[in-house]
Amino acid sequence: MSPVPVRVTRLPHGEGLPLPAYATAEAAGMDLLAATPGPLQIPPGGRALVPTGLAIALPPDHELQIRPRSGLALRHGITIPNTPGTIDADYRGEIQVILLNTGAEAFTVERGMRIAQAVLAPVLRAVWHEVTSLDDTARGSGGFGSTGSGRG
């Protein structure tokens, strides 16, 4: 699959920071960096909106999914509460990331720190067709832990 061109504008507070990049040839996500003017502390249980200093124009029928970084989650309890976050193709504002500190200690976000992963994904459009009944399946209406419980 060939790369998809994405237009990007670096905002003034993002100057000097590298653009998102894939860490390896087979990586699915690109690192997003914090474009904070200085350290930003997130207390335990606290949230912060962290700027990236970037605005983008995605091609039609694409989204940019914003996901937590596994290392921050494991080591510090830092996650993204609305994961995956979605940047729509028609959004032209700054990409910002909501970080949530689920850890027991305050966490400091430093300028240039890798704060999230961005994954470019195609978007399919649904067309709803209302019907009076649905076809039967082995699972049926079982949900929330029903698979593997011995029930259908």
Protein backbone atom coordinates (compact mmCIF):
# COMPACT_ATOMS: atom_id res chain seq x y z
CA MET A 1 0.00 0.00 0.00
CA SER A 2 1.40 3.40 -0.90
CA PRO A 3 1.67 6.26 1.60
CA VAL A 4 -1.24 8.72 1.83
CA PRO A 5 -0.26 12.39 1.54
CA VAL A 6 -1.37 14.49 4.53
CA ARG A 7 -0.94 18.27 4.47
CA VAL A 8 0.35 19.67 7.77
CA THR A 9 0.84 23.16 9.16
CA ARG A 10 3.24 23.71 12.04
CA LEU A 11 1.82 26.31 14.44
CA PRO A 12 4.15 28.85 16.10
CA HIS A 13 4.37 26.92 19.39
CA GLY A 14 5.28 23.76 17.44
CA GLU A 15 8.40 25.30 15.88
CA GLY A 16 11.52 23.26 16.42
CA LEU A 17 9.69 19.98 17.03
CA PRO A 18 9.88 17.16 14.47
CA LEU A 19 6.80 16.14 12.50
CA PRO A 20 5.11 12.86 13.48
CA ALA A 21 7.05 9.88 12.16
CA TYR A 22 6.93 6.10 12.21
CA ALA A 23 9.56 4.65 14.57
CA THR A 24 9.99 1.48 12.47
CA ALA A 25 9.20 0.39 8.92
CA GLU A 26 6.17 -1.67 10.04
CA ALA A 27 4.84 0.65 12.79
CA ALA A 28 1.11 1.40 12.53
CA GLY A 29 1.26 4.61 14.55
CA MET A 30 3.29 7.80 14.50
CA ASP A 31 4.38 9.54 17.68
CA LEU A 32 2.71 12.86 18.52
CA LEU A 33 4.85 15.23 20.58
CA ALA A 34 3.88 17.74 23.25
CA ALA A 35 4.21 21.36 22.10
CA THR A 36 3.89 22.84 25.57
CA PRO A 37 5.83 26.04 26.32
CA GLY A 38 7.17 24.45 29.49
CA PRO A 39 6.51 21.54 31.85
CA LEU A 40 2.84 20.68 32.42
CA GLN A 41 2.02 18.71 35.55
CA ILE A 42 -0.98 16.36 35.68
CA PRO A 43 -1.96 15.35 39.23
CA PRO A 44 -3.22 11.83 40.03
CA GLY A 45 -6.76 11.57 38.68
CA GLY A 46 -6.25 14.80 36.69
CA ARG A 47 -6.62 15.54 32.99
CA ALA A 48 -4.81 17.96 30.70
CA LEU A 49 -5.32 19.10 27.13
CA VAL A 50 -1.85 18.91 25.56
CA PRO A 51 -1.15 20.80 22.32
CA THR A 52 0.88 19.26 19.49
CA GLY A 53 1.52 22.47 17.55
CA LEU A 54 0.14 20.83 14.39
CA ALA A 55 -2.95 21.31 12.21
CA ILE A 56 -3.65 18.95 9.32
CA ALA A 57 -5.79 18.44 6.24
CA LEU A 58 -6.62 14.78 5.81
CA PRO A 59 -7.75 13.41 2.47
CA PRO A 60 -11.49 12.69 2.16
CA ASP A 61 -12.64 9.34 3.58
CA HIS A 62 -9.82 9.20 6.17
CA GLU A 63 -9.50 9.85 9.89
CA LEU A 64 -6.55 10.19 12.22
CA GLN A 65 -7.04 8.03 15.31
CA ILE A 66 -5.32 9.26 18.49
CA ARG A 67 -4.30 6.44 20.82
CA PRO A 68 -2.41 6.11 24.11
CA ARG A 69 1.25 5.15 24.21
CA SER A 70 1.66 1.77 25.89
CA GLY A 71 4.86 2.75 27.73
CA LEU A 72 3.24 5.80 29.35
CA ALA A 73 0.23 3.69 30.31
CA LEU A 74 2.32 0.91 31.85
CA ARG A 75 4.92 3.02 33.65
CA HIS A 76 2.86 6.04 34.69
CA GLY A 77 -0.85 5.26 34.24
CA ILE A 78 -1.15 7.92 31.51
CA THR A 79 -3.95 7.22 29.05
CA ILE A 80 -6.40 8.99 26.77
CA PRO A 81 -9.98 9.00 28.14
CA ASN A 82 -11.72 9.16 24.74
CA THR A 83 -9.53 6.59 23.06
CA PRO A 84 -9.32 6.33 20.22
CA GLY A 85 -9.83 10.02 19.63
CA THR A 86 -10.81 10.91 16.08
CA ILE A 87 -9.54 13.75 13.93
CA ASP A 88 -12.05 14.11 11.09
CA ALA A 89 -11.06 14.93 7.51
CA ASP A 90 -12.82 18.30 7.67
CA TYR A 91 -11.20 19.48 10.94
CA ARG A 92 -8.57 22.20 10.51
CA GLY A 93 -7.81 23.16 14.10
CA GLU A 94 -4.83 22.14 16.20
CA ILE A 95 -4.45 18.49 17.12
CA GLN A 96 -4.60 18.35 20.90
CA VAL A 97 -4.52 15.29 23.11
CA ILE A 98 -6.46 14.79 26.34
CA LEU A 99 -4.19 12.96 28.78
CA LEU A 100 -5.58 11.34 31.93
CA ASN A 101 -3.34 10.41 34.85
CA THR A 102 -4.69 7.18 36.38
CA GLY A 103 -1.47 6.71 38.33
CA ALA A 104 -0.74 7.40 41.99
CA GLU A 105 1.91 10.08 41.32
CA ALA A 106 1.83 13.43 39.54
CA PHE A 107 3.09 13.20 35.96
CA THR A 108 5.02 15.93 34.18
CA VAL A 109 4.64 16.45 30.43
CA GLU A 110 7.77 18.04 28.98
CA ARG A 111 8.02 19.87 25.66
CA GLY A 112 8.88 17.39 22.88
CA MET A 113 7.75 14.35 24.92
CA ARG A 114 6.00 11.57 22.98
CA ILE A 115 2.44 11.75 24.32
CA ALA A 116 0.29 9.70 21.93
CA GLN A 117 0.19 7.60 18.79
CA ALA A 118 -1.58 8.74 15.61
CA VAL A 119 -2.93 6.10 13.22
CA LEU A 120 -4.26 7.09 9.78
CA ALA A 121 -7.31 5.01 8.87
CA PRO A 122 -9.85 4.82 6.05
CA VAL A 123 -13.44 5.71 6.88
CA LEU A 124 -16.42 3.77 5.52
CA ARG A 125 -19.87 5.36 5.38
CA ALA A 126 -22.95 3.46 6.56
CA VAL A 127 -26.40 3.62 5.02
CA TRP A 128 -29.05 2.42 7.46
CA HIS A 129 -31.72 0.03 6.16
CA GLU A 130 -34.49 -0.43 8.69
CA VAL A 131 -35.95 -3.95 8.71
CA THR A 132 -38.54 -5.72 10.85
CA SER A 133 -36.19 -8.59 11.87
CA LEU A 134 -32.57 -9.68 11.68
CA ASP A 135 -31.12 -13.04 10.66
CA ASP A 136 -30.32 -15.56 13.41
CA THR A 137 -26.73 -16.36 14.43
CA ALA A 138 -25.15 -18.80 16.88
CA ARG A 139 -24.46 -15.91 19.25
CA GLY A 140 -27.83 -14.25 18.94
CA SER A 141 -28.32 -11.32 21.31
CA GLY A 142 -25.73 -12.50 23.86
CA GLY A 143 -23.33 -9.72 24.78
CA PHE A 144 -21.01 -8.45 27.52
CA GLY A 145 -19.05 -11.61 28.20
CA SER A 146 -21.45 -14.09 26.65
CA THR A 147 -18.88 -15.55 24.25
CA GLY A 148 -16.87 -18.20 26.03
CA SER A 149 -19.47 -18.58 28.80
CA GLY A 150 -21.03 -21.68 27.26
CA ARG A 151 -24.12 -19.69 26.35
CA GLY A 152 -24.97 -18.70 22.76
